[in-house]
N, C-alpha and C. Protein backbone atom coordinates (compact mmCIF):
# COMPACT_ATOMS: atom_id res chain seq x y z
N MET A 1 131.27 77.62 75.40
CA MET A 1 131.13 76.92 76.67
C MET A 1 130.06 77.62 77.51
N THR A 2 129.15 76.85 78.08
CA THR A 2 128.08 77.43 78.89
C THR A 2 128.52 77.52 80.33
N SER A 3 128.32 78.68 80.95
CA SER A 3 128.77 78.87 82.33
C SER A 3 127.88 78.13 83.30
N THR A 4 128.41 77.90 84.51
CA THR A 4 127.62 77.23 85.55
C THR A 4 126.38 78.03 85.88
N ALA A 5 126.53 79.39 85.94
CA ALA A 5 125.39 80.24 86.26
C ALA A 5 124.29 80.07 85.23
N ASN A 6 124.68 79.97 83.92
CA ASN A 6 123.68 79.81 82.89
C ASN A 6 123.04 78.44 82.96
N ASN A 7 123.86 77.41 83.31
CA ASN A 7 123.31 76.06 83.44
C ASN A 7 122.25 76.00 84.50
N SER A 8 122.38 76.78 85.55
CA SER A 8 121.41 76.74 86.64
C SER A 8 120.27 77.73 86.40
N GLY A 9 120.29 78.37 85.22
CA GLY A 9 119.21 79.28 84.91
C GLY A 9 119.39 80.64 85.54
N GLU A 10 120.59 80.95 86.05
CA GLU A 10 120.85 82.22 86.70
C GLU A 10 121.95 82.96 85.96
N SER A 11 121.92 84.26 86.02
CA SER A 11 122.99 85.09 85.49
C SER A 11 123.62 85.83 86.64
N ALA A 12 124.80 86.43 86.40
CA ALA A 12 125.48 87.17 87.46
C ALA A 12 124.61 88.29 87.99
N GLY A 13 123.80 88.88 87.11
CA GLY A 13 122.94 89.98 87.53
C GLY A 13 121.80 89.53 88.43
N ASP A 14 121.49 88.23 88.39
CA ASP A 14 120.38 87.71 89.19
C ASP A 14 120.80 87.34 90.60
N GLN A 15 122.10 87.23 90.85
CA GLN A 15 122.57 86.80 92.16
C GLN A 15 122.32 87.89 93.20
N ILE A 16 121.86 87.48 94.36
CA ILE A 16 121.52 88.40 95.43
C ILE A 16 122.69 88.50 96.41
N THR A 17 123.11 89.73 96.68
CA THR A 17 124.18 89.93 97.65
C THR A 17 123.63 89.72 99.06
N PRO A 18 124.23 88.85 99.85
CA PRO A 18 123.70 88.61 101.20
C PRO A 18 123.84 89.84 102.08
N LYS A 19 122.89 90.02 102.99
CA LYS A 19 122.92 91.15 103.91
C LYS A 19 123.92 90.88 105.04
N SER A 20 124.30 91.97 105.71
CA SER A 20 125.25 91.89 106.82
C SER A 20 124.50 91.88 108.14
N PRO A 21 124.51 90.77 108.87
CA PRO A 21 123.74 90.70 110.12
C PRO A 21 124.36 91.53 111.22
N LEU A 22 123.51 92.11 112.07
CA LEU A 22 123.96 92.83 113.25
C LEU A 22 124.21 91.84 114.39
N GLU A 23 125.01 92.26 115.36
CA GLU A 23 125.28 91.42 116.52
C GLU A 23 124.00 91.14 117.29
N PHE A 24 123.13 92.15 117.41
CA PHE A 24 121.82 92.01 118.04
C PHE A 24 120.77 92.57 117.08
N SER A 25 119.54 92.10 117.22
CA SER A 25 118.43 92.72 116.51
C SER A 25 117.89 93.86 117.36
N TRP A 26 117.43 94.93 116.68
CA TRP A 26 117.00 96.13 117.37
C TRP A 26 115.63 96.57 116.88
N THR A 27 114.99 97.42 117.67
CA THR A 27 113.68 97.96 117.30
C THR A 27 113.69 99.48 117.41
N PHE A 28 113.22 100.15 116.35
CA PHE A 28 112.99 101.58 116.39
C PHE A 28 111.58 101.84 116.92
N TRP A 29 111.47 102.79 117.85
CA TRP A 29 110.18 103.21 118.40
C TRP A 29 110.07 104.73 118.27
N TYR A 30 108.83 105.21 118.28
CA TYR A 30 108.59 106.66 118.27
C TYR A 30 107.47 106.96 119.25
N LEU A 31 107.68 107.98 120.04
CA LEU A 31 106.64 108.42 120.97
C LEU A 31 105.95 109.64 120.37
N LYS A 32 104.72 109.43 119.95
CA LYS A 32 103.94 110.51 119.35
C LYS A 32 103.28 111.33 120.45
N PRO A 33 103.56 112.62 120.52
CA PRO A 33 102.97 113.44 121.57
C PRO A 33 101.45 113.56 121.42
N ASP A 34 100.72 113.13 122.43
CA ASP A 34 99.25 113.21 122.40
C ASP A 34 98.75 113.23 123.83
N LYS A 35 98.32 114.39 124.30
CA LYS A 35 97.85 114.53 125.67
C LYS A 35 96.52 113.86 125.93
N ARG A 36 95.88 113.40 124.87
CA ARG A 36 94.55 112.80 125.02
C ARG A 36 94.62 111.32 125.39
N THR A 37 95.82 110.74 125.36
CA THR A 37 95.93 109.32 125.65
C THR A 37 97.14 109.06 126.55
N SER A 38 97.30 107.83 127.00
CA SER A 38 98.38 107.50 127.92
C SER A 38 99.72 107.45 127.20
N TRP A 39 100.80 107.50 128.00
CA TRP A 39 102.15 107.43 127.44
C TRP A 39 102.33 106.13 126.66
N GLU A 40 101.90 105.03 127.23
CA GLU A 40 102.10 103.73 126.58
C GLU A 40 101.32 103.64 125.28
N ASN A 41 100.12 104.21 125.25
CA ASN A 41 99.33 104.18 124.01
C ASN A 41 99.89 105.11 122.96
N SER A 42 100.72 106.07 123.38
CA SER A 42 101.34 106.99 122.43
C SER A 42 102.62 106.41 121.84
N LEU A 43 103.09 105.32 122.41
CA LEU A 43 104.34 104.70 121.97
C LEU A 43 104.07 103.84 120.72
N ILE A 44 104.79 104.14 119.65
CA ILE A 44 104.57 103.46 118.38
C ILE A 44 105.81 102.64 118.01
N LYS A 45 105.62 101.35 117.82
CA LYS A 45 106.71 100.51 117.32
C LYS A 45 106.82 100.71 115.82
N LEU A 46 108.00 101.11 115.35
CA LEU A 46 108.18 101.40 113.93
C LEU A 46 108.62 100.18 113.14
N ILE A 47 109.76 99.58 113.54
CA ILE A 47 110.28 98.46 112.75
C ILE A 47 111.41 97.76 113.51
N ASP A 48 111.55 96.47 113.27
CA ASP A 48 112.70 95.70 113.76
C ASP A 48 113.77 95.68 112.69
N VAL A 49 115.03 95.78 113.11
CA VAL A 49 116.14 95.69 112.15
C VAL A 49 117.14 94.65 112.66
N ALA A 50 117.55 93.77 111.75
CA ALA A 50 118.50 92.72 112.11
C ALA A 50 119.73 92.74 111.22
N PHE A 51 119.73 93.65 110.22
CA PHE A 51 120.84 93.72 109.27
C PHE A 51 121.28 95.17 109.11
N VAL A 52 122.56 95.35 108.79
CA VAL A 52 123.11 96.69 108.60
C VAL A 52 122.32 97.45 107.55
N GLU A 53 122.01 96.79 106.45
CA GLU A 53 121.30 97.45 105.35
C GLU A 53 119.91 97.92 105.78
N ASP A 54 119.23 97.13 106.62
CA ASP A 54 117.90 97.51 107.09
C ASP A 54 117.97 98.68 108.06
N PHE A 55 119.04 98.70 108.86
CA PHE A 55 119.23 99.84 109.76
C PHE A 55 119.33 101.13 108.97
N TRP A 56 120.20 101.15 107.96
CA TRP A 56 120.41 102.38 107.19
C TRP A 56 119.17 102.76 106.39
N ALA A 57 118.45 101.78 105.87
CA ALA A 57 117.23 102.09 105.12
C ALA A 57 116.22 102.77 106.03
N THR A 58 116.12 102.29 107.27
CA THR A 58 115.18 102.88 108.22
C THR A 58 115.67 104.24 108.70
N PHE A 59 116.93 104.31 109.10
CA PHE A 59 117.48 105.56 109.63
C PHE A 59 117.36 106.68 108.61
N ASN A 60 117.67 106.40 107.36
CA ASN A 60 117.64 107.43 106.32
C ASN A 60 116.21 107.85 105.96
N HIS A 61 115.25 107.01 106.30
CA HIS A 61 113.85 107.33 106.01
C HIS A 61 113.22 108.21 107.10
N LEU A 62 113.75 108.11 108.32
CA LEU A 62 113.16 108.84 109.45
C LEU A 62 113.63 110.29 109.47
N ALA A 63 112.77 111.16 109.95
CA ALA A 63 113.18 112.54 110.19
C ALA A 63 114.25 112.56 111.27
N THR A 64 115.22 113.41 111.14
CA THR A 64 116.29 113.50 112.12
C THR A 64 115.77 114.15 113.40
N PRO A 65 116.46 113.95 114.54
CA PRO A 65 116.05 114.63 115.77
C PRO A 65 115.96 116.14 115.60
N ALA A 66 116.91 116.74 114.88
CA ALA A 66 116.87 118.18 114.66
C ALA A 66 115.63 118.58 113.88
N LYS A 67 115.23 117.74 112.94
CA LYS A 67 114.01 118.01 112.17
C LYS A 67 112.79 117.93 113.07
N LEU A 68 112.75 116.93 113.94
CA LEU A 68 111.64 116.83 114.89
C LEU A 68 111.57 118.07 115.77
N ALA A 69 112.74 118.54 116.19
CA ALA A 69 112.79 119.70 117.07
C ALA A 69 112.23 120.94 116.39
N SER A 70 112.36 121.00 115.07
CA SER A 70 111.88 122.17 114.34
C SER A 70 110.38 122.11 114.07
N THR A 71 109.77 120.95 114.26
CA THR A 71 108.35 120.81 113.93
C THR A 71 107.45 120.53 115.13
N ARG A 72 108.01 119.94 116.18
CA ARG A 72 107.17 119.63 117.34
C ARG A 72 108.07 119.47 118.57
N SER A 73 107.49 119.60 119.74
CA SER A 73 108.23 119.38 120.98
C SER A 73 107.69 118.13 121.67
N ASN A 74 108.42 117.69 122.69
CA ASN A 74 108.00 116.54 123.49
C ASN A 74 107.75 115.30 122.65
N SER A 75 108.72 114.96 121.82
CA SER A 75 108.66 113.70 121.07
C SER A 75 109.98 112.97 121.26
N ASP A 76 109.95 111.65 121.03
CA ASP A 76 111.12 110.83 121.33
C ASP A 76 111.30 109.75 120.28
N TYR A 77 112.55 109.44 119.98
CA TYR A 77 112.92 108.22 119.28
C TYR A 77 113.56 107.28 120.29
N PHE A 78 113.19 106.01 120.20
CA PHE A 78 113.81 104.98 121.02
C PHE A 78 114.44 103.94 120.10
N PHE A 79 115.56 103.39 120.52
CA PHE A 79 116.23 102.33 119.77
C PHE A 79 116.67 101.29 120.79
N PHE A 80 115.93 100.17 120.85
CA PHE A 80 116.17 99.17 121.89
C PHE A 80 116.35 97.79 121.28
N LYS A 81 117.06 96.95 122.03
CA LYS A 81 117.19 95.57 121.59
C LYS A 81 115.81 94.95 121.42
N LYS A 82 115.68 94.16 120.38
CA LYS A 82 114.40 93.54 120.07
C LYS A 82 113.91 92.73 121.27
N GLY A 83 112.65 92.90 121.61
CA GLY A 83 112.06 92.19 122.72
C GLY A 83 112.06 92.96 124.02
N ILE A 84 112.75 94.11 124.04
CA ILE A 84 112.79 94.97 125.24
C ILE A 84 111.99 96.23 124.96
N ARG A 85 110.98 96.47 125.74
CA ARG A 85 110.18 97.68 125.55
C ARG A 85 110.90 98.87 126.19
N PRO A 86 110.80 100.03 125.58
CA PRO A 86 111.55 101.20 126.06
C PRO A 86 110.90 101.87 127.27
N MET A 87 110.79 101.13 128.33
CA MET A 87 110.22 101.65 129.58
C MET A 87 110.92 100.96 130.74
N TRP A 88 111.06 101.68 131.84
CA TRP A 88 111.85 101.13 132.95
C TRP A 88 111.18 99.93 133.59
N GLU A 89 109.86 99.78 133.41
CA GLU A 89 109.17 98.64 134.00
C GLU A 89 109.48 97.32 133.29
N ASP A 90 110.04 97.38 132.08
CA ASP A 90 110.40 96.15 131.39
C ASP A 90 111.40 95.36 132.23
N LYS A 91 111.28 94.05 132.19
CA LYS A 91 112.12 93.19 133.03
C LYS A 91 113.61 93.43 132.79
N ALA A 92 113.99 93.76 131.56
CA ALA A 92 115.40 93.97 131.25
C ALA A 92 115.92 95.30 131.77
N ASN A 93 115.00 96.22 132.09
CA ASN A 93 115.40 97.56 132.52
C ASN A 93 115.18 97.84 134.00
N GLU A 94 114.32 97.08 134.65
CA GLU A 94 113.82 97.47 135.96
C GLU A 94 114.90 97.60 137.04
N HIS A 95 116.00 96.86 136.91
CA HIS A 95 117.07 96.95 137.90
C HIS A 95 118.26 97.77 137.40
N GLY A 96 118.08 98.46 136.28
CA GLY A 96 119.17 99.22 135.68
C GLY A 96 118.98 100.71 135.80
N GLY A 97 119.63 101.43 134.92
CA GLY A 97 119.55 102.89 134.94
C GLY A 97 119.95 103.45 133.59
N ARG A 98 120.29 104.73 133.57
CA ARG A 98 120.62 105.38 132.30
C ARG A 98 121.73 106.41 132.49
N TRP A 99 122.59 106.48 131.49
CA TRP A 99 123.51 107.60 131.35
C TRP A 99 122.79 108.69 130.57
N LEU A 100 122.85 109.92 131.05
CA LEU A 100 122.08 111.01 130.46
C LEU A 100 122.99 112.14 130.01
N LEU A 101 122.81 112.54 128.75
CA LEU A 101 123.51 113.68 128.19
C LEU A 101 122.50 114.77 127.88
N THR A 102 122.64 115.93 128.50
CA THR A 102 121.77 117.07 128.22
C THR A 102 122.41 117.91 127.13
N CYS A 103 121.68 118.08 126.03
CA CYS A 103 122.25 118.72 124.84
C CYS A 103 121.86 120.19 124.69
N GLY A 104 120.89 120.67 125.47
CA GLY A 104 120.38 122.02 125.24
C GLY A 104 119.41 122.01 124.08
N ASN A 105 118.78 123.14 123.81
CA ASN A 105 117.80 123.16 122.73
C ASN A 105 118.29 123.86 121.47
N GLN A 106 119.55 124.25 121.45
CA GLN A 106 120.12 124.86 120.26
C GLN A 106 121.34 124.08 119.77
N ASP A 107 121.48 122.86 120.21
CA ASP A 107 122.69 122.11 119.90
C ASP A 107 122.63 121.61 118.46
N ASN A 108 123.51 122.15 117.60
CA ASN A 108 123.51 121.75 116.20
C ASN A 108 124.21 120.41 115.98
N LYS A 109 124.72 119.82 117.07
CA LYS A 109 125.37 118.52 116.96
C LYS A 109 124.44 117.37 117.39
N LEU A 110 123.18 117.69 117.63
CA LEU A 110 122.24 116.68 118.15
C LEU A 110 122.17 115.47 117.23
N ASP A 111 122.04 115.70 115.93
CA ASP A 111 121.92 114.58 114.99
C ASP A 111 123.18 113.72 114.99
N ASP A 112 124.36 114.36 115.04
CA ASP A 112 125.61 113.60 115.05
C ASP A 112 125.76 112.77 116.32
N LEU A 113 125.39 113.36 117.46
CA LEU A 113 125.48 112.64 118.73
C LEU A 113 124.56 111.42 118.73
N TRP A 114 123.37 111.59 118.20
CA TRP A 114 122.40 110.48 118.12
C TRP A 114 122.92 109.39 117.19
N LEU A 115 123.39 109.76 116.02
CA LEU A 115 123.87 108.77 115.06
C LEU A 115 125.09 108.03 115.60
N GLU A 116 126.04 108.75 116.19
CA GLU A 116 127.24 108.09 116.72
C GLU A 116 126.88 107.11 117.83
N THR A 117 125.87 107.45 118.62
CA THR A 117 125.42 106.53 119.67
C THR A 117 124.83 105.26 119.06
N LEU A 118 123.99 105.42 118.04
CA LEU A 118 123.39 104.26 117.38
C LEU A 118 124.45 103.38 116.72
N LEU A 119 125.41 104.01 116.06
CA LEU A 119 126.45 103.23 115.39
C LEU A 119 127.31 102.47 116.40
N GLY A 120 127.56 103.08 117.54
CA GLY A 120 128.30 102.39 118.58
C GLY A 120 127.57 101.17 119.09
N MET A 121 126.24 101.27 119.14
CA MET A 121 125.44 100.15 119.62
C MET A 121 125.37 99.02 118.60
N ILE A 122 125.06 99.34 117.35
CA ILE A 122 124.92 98.27 116.36
C ILE A 122 126.28 97.69 115.97
N GLY A 123 127.35 98.48 116.14
CA GLY A 123 128.68 97.99 115.81
C GLY A 123 129.38 97.29 116.95
N ASP A 124 128.67 97.12 118.07
CA ASP A 124 129.23 96.44 119.25
C ASP A 124 130.52 97.13 119.71
N CYS A 125 130.54 98.47 119.61
CA CYS A 125 131.75 99.23 119.92
C CYS A 125 131.96 99.46 121.42
N PHE A 126 131.00 99.09 122.24
CA PHE A 126 131.16 99.27 123.68
C PHE A 126 131.99 98.16 124.30
N SER A 127 132.22 97.10 123.54
CA SER A 127 132.97 95.95 124.07
C SER A 127 134.38 95.91 123.50
N ASN A 128 135.33 95.49 124.34
CA ASN A 128 136.70 95.25 123.92
C ASN A 128 137.04 93.78 124.12
N ASP A 129 138.01 93.31 123.35
CA ASP A 129 138.39 91.90 123.46
C ASP A 129 138.93 91.55 124.84
N THR A 130 139.45 92.55 125.55
CA THR A 130 140.05 92.29 126.86
C THR A 130 139.03 92.35 128.00
N ASP A 131 137.77 92.68 127.70
CA ASP A 131 136.75 92.75 128.76
C ASP A 131 136.47 91.35 129.32
N PRO A 132 136.32 91.24 130.64
CA PRO A 132 135.94 89.95 131.23
C PRO A 132 134.62 89.44 130.66
N GLN A 133 133.71 90.35 130.38
CA GLN A 133 132.46 90.04 129.70
C GLN A 133 132.10 91.23 128.83
N PRO A 134 131.51 91.00 127.65
CA PRO A 134 131.21 92.11 126.74
C PRO A 134 130.28 93.13 127.39
N LEU A 135 130.70 94.40 127.39
CA LEU A 135 129.88 95.43 128.01
C LEU A 135 128.60 95.69 127.21
N SER A 136 128.60 95.33 125.93
CA SER A 136 127.41 95.55 125.11
C SER A 136 126.21 94.75 125.62
N ARG A 137 126.47 93.68 126.37
CA ARG A 137 125.36 92.87 126.89
C ARG A 137 124.55 93.64 127.93
N PHE A 138 125.16 94.67 128.53
CA PHE A 138 124.47 95.45 129.55
C PHE A 138 123.66 96.62 128.97
N ILE A 139 123.82 96.89 127.70
CA ILE A 139 123.11 98.01 127.06
C ILE A 139 121.79 97.51 126.49
N THR A 140 120.71 98.13 126.92
CA THR A 140 119.39 97.71 126.44
C THR A 140 118.86 98.61 125.34
N GLY A 141 119.28 99.88 125.32
CA GLY A 141 118.79 100.78 124.28
C GLY A 141 119.20 102.22 124.54
N CYS A 142 118.67 103.10 123.73
CA CYS A 142 118.92 104.53 123.91
C CYS A 142 117.71 105.32 123.44
N VAL A 143 117.66 106.56 123.85
CA VAL A 143 116.53 107.42 123.51
C VAL A 143 117.02 108.84 123.29
N VAL A 144 116.47 109.50 122.29
CA VAL A 144 116.68 110.94 122.12
C VAL A 144 115.34 111.61 122.39
N SER A 145 115.35 112.56 123.32
CA SER A 145 114.13 113.24 123.76
C SER A 145 114.19 114.70 123.31
N ILE A 146 113.20 115.11 122.56
CA ILE A 146 113.11 116.48 122.06
C ILE A 146 112.22 117.27 123.00
N ARG A 147 112.78 118.29 123.64
CA ARG A 147 112.05 119.08 124.61
C ARG A 147 112.36 120.56 124.41
N ASN A 148 111.36 121.40 124.68
CA ASN A 148 111.57 122.84 124.58
C ASN A 148 112.62 123.32 125.58
N ARG A 149 112.65 122.68 126.74
CA ARG A 149 113.58 123.13 127.79
C ARG A 149 114.98 122.55 127.62
N GLY A 150 115.17 121.69 126.62
CA GLY A 150 116.49 121.12 126.38
C GLY A 150 116.41 119.67 125.93
N HIS A 151 117.06 119.35 124.82
CA HIS A 151 117.04 117.99 124.30
C HIS A 151 118.00 117.10 125.10
N LYS A 152 117.71 115.80 125.11
CA LYS A 152 118.53 114.87 125.87
C LYS A 152 118.72 113.57 125.09
N ILE A 153 119.86 112.94 125.32
CA ILE A 153 120.11 111.60 124.81
C ILE A 153 120.47 110.73 126.01
N ALA A 154 119.83 109.58 126.11
CA ALA A 154 120.07 108.68 127.24
C ALA A 154 120.45 107.30 126.74
N LEU A 155 121.43 106.71 127.40
CA LEU A 155 121.87 105.34 127.12
C LEU A 155 121.40 104.47 128.27
N TRP A 156 120.55 103.49 127.97
CA TRP A 156 119.93 102.67 129.02
C TRP A 156 120.72 101.39 129.24
N LEU A 157 120.89 101.04 130.52
CA LEU A 157 121.62 99.83 130.91
C LEU A 157 120.73 98.92 131.74
N SER A 158 121.01 97.64 131.65
CA SER A 158 120.31 96.67 132.50
C SER A 158 120.95 96.59 133.88
N GLU A 159 122.17 97.11 134.01
CA GLU A 159 122.95 97.03 135.24
C GLU A 159 122.80 98.30 136.06
N GLY A 160 122.56 98.12 137.36
CA GLY A 160 122.43 99.28 138.24
C GLY A 160 123.28 99.19 139.48
N GLN A 161 124.04 98.09 139.65
CA GLN A 161 124.79 97.87 140.88
C GLN A 161 126.31 97.86 140.68
N ASN A 162 126.77 97.34 139.56
CA ASN A 162 128.19 97.18 139.33
C ASN A 162 128.79 98.50 138.85
N ALA A 163 129.40 99.23 139.76
CA ALA A 163 129.93 100.56 139.44
C ALA A 163 131.01 100.49 138.37
N THR A 164 131.84 99.44 138.38
CA THR A 164 132.91 99.32 137.39
C THR A 164 132.34 99.22 135.99
N VAL A 165 131.34 98.39 135.81
CA VAL A 165 130.69 98.22 134.50
C VAL A 165 130.00 99.52 134.08
N ILE A 166 129.24 100.10 134.99
CA ILE A 166 128.46 101.31 134.67
C ILE A 166 129.38 102.45 134.24
N ARG A 167 130.42 102.69 135.03
CA ARG A 167 131.28 103.84 134.75
C ARG A 167 132.12 103.62 133.49
N GLU A 168 132.54 102.39 133.24
CA GLU A 168 133.32 102.13 132.03
C GLU A 168 132.46 102.32 130.79
N ILE A 169 131.21 101.92 130.84
CA ILE A 169 130.31 102.15 129.70
C ILE A 169 130.13 103.64 129.48
N GLY A 170 129.98 104.40 130.57
CA GLY A 170 129.86 105.85 130.45
C GLY A 170 131.08 106.47 129.80
N ARG A 171 132.27 106.05 130.22
CA ARG A 171 133.51 106.60 129.67
C ARG A 171 133.63 106.26 128.18
N ARG A 172 133.29 105.04 127.84
CA ARG A 172 133.40 104.64 126.42
C ARG A 172 132.37 105.39 125.56
N TRP A 173 131.20 105.62 126.12
CA TRP A 173 130.19 106.40 125.37
C TRP A 173 130.69 107.81 125.11
N LYS A 174 131.25 108.44 126.14
CA LYS A 174 131.77 109.81 125.97
C LYS A 174 132.85 109.84 124.88
N ALA A 175 133.76 108.87 124.90
CA ALA A 175 134.83 108.84 123.89
C ALA A 175 134.26 108.57 122.50
N MET A 176 133.27 107.72 122.44
CA MET A 176 132.66 107.33 121.17
C MET A 176 132.01 108.50 120.45
N ILE A 177 131.36 109.37 121.23
CA ILE A 177 130.66 110.51 120.62
C ILE A 177 131.48 111.80 120.72
N ASN A 178 132.75 111.64 121.12
CA ASN A 178 133.72 112.75 121.12
C ASN A 178 133.28 113.93 121.98
N LEU A 179 132.83 113.64 123.19
CA LEU A 179 132.48 114.71 124.10
C LEU A 179 133.74 115.29 124.73
N PRO A 180 133.84 116.60 124.82
CA PRO A 180 135.00 117.20 125.51
C PRO A 180 134.92 116.96 127.01
N PRO A 181 136.03 117.03 127.72
CA PRO A 181 136.04 116.77 129.17
C PRO A 181 135.11 117.70 129.95
N THR A 182 134.84 118.88 129.40
CA THR A 182 134.00 119.85 130.11
C THR A 182 132.52 119.48 130.07
N VAL A 183 132.14 118.58 129.16
CA VAL A 183 130.74 118.13 129.08
C VAL A 183 130.60 116.87 129.91
N ARG A 184 129.70 116.90 130.87
CA ARG A 184 129.52 115.79 131.79
C ARG A 184 128.25 115.01 131.47
N ILE A 185 128.29 113.72 131.72
CA ILE A 185 127.10 112.88 131.64
C ILE A 185 126.82 112.33 133.04
N GLN A 186 125.56 112.03 133.31
CA GLN A 186 125.16 111.59 134.65
C GLN A 186 124.38 110.29 134.57
N PHE A 187 124.61 109.45 135.58
CA PHE A 187 123.91 108.16 135.65
C PHE A 187 122.97 108.14 136.84
N ASP A 188 121.75 107.70 136.59
CA ASP A 188 120.81 107.49 137.69
C ASP A 188 120.05 106.19 137.47
N LEU A 189 119.50 105.67 138.53
CA LEU A 189 118.73 104.43 138.49
C LEU A 189 117.30 104.71 138.09
N HIS A 190 116.73 103.83 137.27
CA HIS A 190 115.33 104.01 136.86
C HIS A 190 114.40 104.02 138.07
N ALA A 191 114.63 103.10 138.99
CA ALA A 191 113.73 102.95 140.13
C ALA A 191 113.71 104.19 141.02
N GLU A 192 114.83 104.88 141.12
CA GLU A 192 114.91 106.03 142.00
C GLU A 192 114.24 107.27 141.42
N ASN A 193 114.14 107.32 140.10
CA ASN A 193 113.55 108.49 139.47
C ASN A 193 112.19 108.20 138.85
N ALA A 194 111.63 107.06 139.16
CA ALA A 194 110.31 106.71 138.64
C ALA A 194 109.24 107.32 139.54
N GLY A 195 108.75 108.47 139.12
CA GLY A 195 107.76 109.16 139.95
C GLY A 195 108.44 109.82 141.12
N GLY A 196 107.90 110.91 141.60
CA GLY A 196 108.50 111.61 142.72
C GLY A 196 109.62 112.52 142.26
N PRO A 197 110.21 113.25 143.18
CA PRO A 197 111.26 114.20 142.82
C PRO A 197 112.54 113.52 142.35
N ALA A 198 113.25 114.19 141.45
CA ALA A 198 114.51 113.65 140.95
C ALA A 198 115.56 113.66 142.05
N ARG A 199 116.39 112.63 142.06
CA ARG A 199 117.45 112.53 143.06
C ARG A 199 118.79 112.87 142.43
N PRO A 200 119.79 113.16 143.22
CA PRO A 200 121.12 113.44 142.67
C PRO A 200 121.63 112.26 141.87
N ALA A 201 122.44 112.54 140.86
CA ALA A 201 123.01 111.49 140.03
C ALA A 201 123.85 110.53 140.85
N LEU A 202 123.78 109.26 140.52
CA LEU A 202 124.56 108.25 141.23
C LEU A 202 126.04 108.33 140.83
N TYR A 203 126.29 108.55 139.54
CA TYR A 203 127.65 108.70 139.02
C TYR A 203 127.70 109.84 138.01
N GLU A 204 128.90 110.34 137.78
CA GLU A 204 129.10 111.38 136.79
C GLU A 204 130.43 111.16 136.11
N GLU A 205 130.46 111.38 134.83
CA GLU A 205 131.70 111.22 134.05
C GLU A 205 131.90 112.46 133.17
């Protein structure tokens, strides 16, 4: 008896396993340090990812933040929703802000903190079924910044006014990456820290 697969000219080995789509499509960016050109010209778009498999293929190909720290300073990875540029002037970011985690420059957990943040974003883990509206809709992206004076990870939000939404996202991020209560994260508005002296944090968790 001839199988259906053989009748159609296909074998089991020829069948393609469908990919697993992400809730949102995302873009990996890299900021190449170059004092000879502008910040925007130094920003390199790496790749868009819309499937779980593409995310892992890209993530596993990139040097880890700890590896970047060992080879160069003042470089950044950005991971933002597709169509949103990783700058506060972007329309999706201009009225929002960021939760900021300062990791220090000897933190051996930097790679784990970065990965757990990314997995929380692509897995839609910031939202609960009981939320009036999914909190993941307010997250635009994240960035890991490699600096000699101390590495940082920032979670960017489109929201800058709703304290309930902002603080709940901060609390869920802390739980997601298993930060102890003694480690604090701070939220500030993009507009308030764009140029000029830094202002005190708007919120802290």
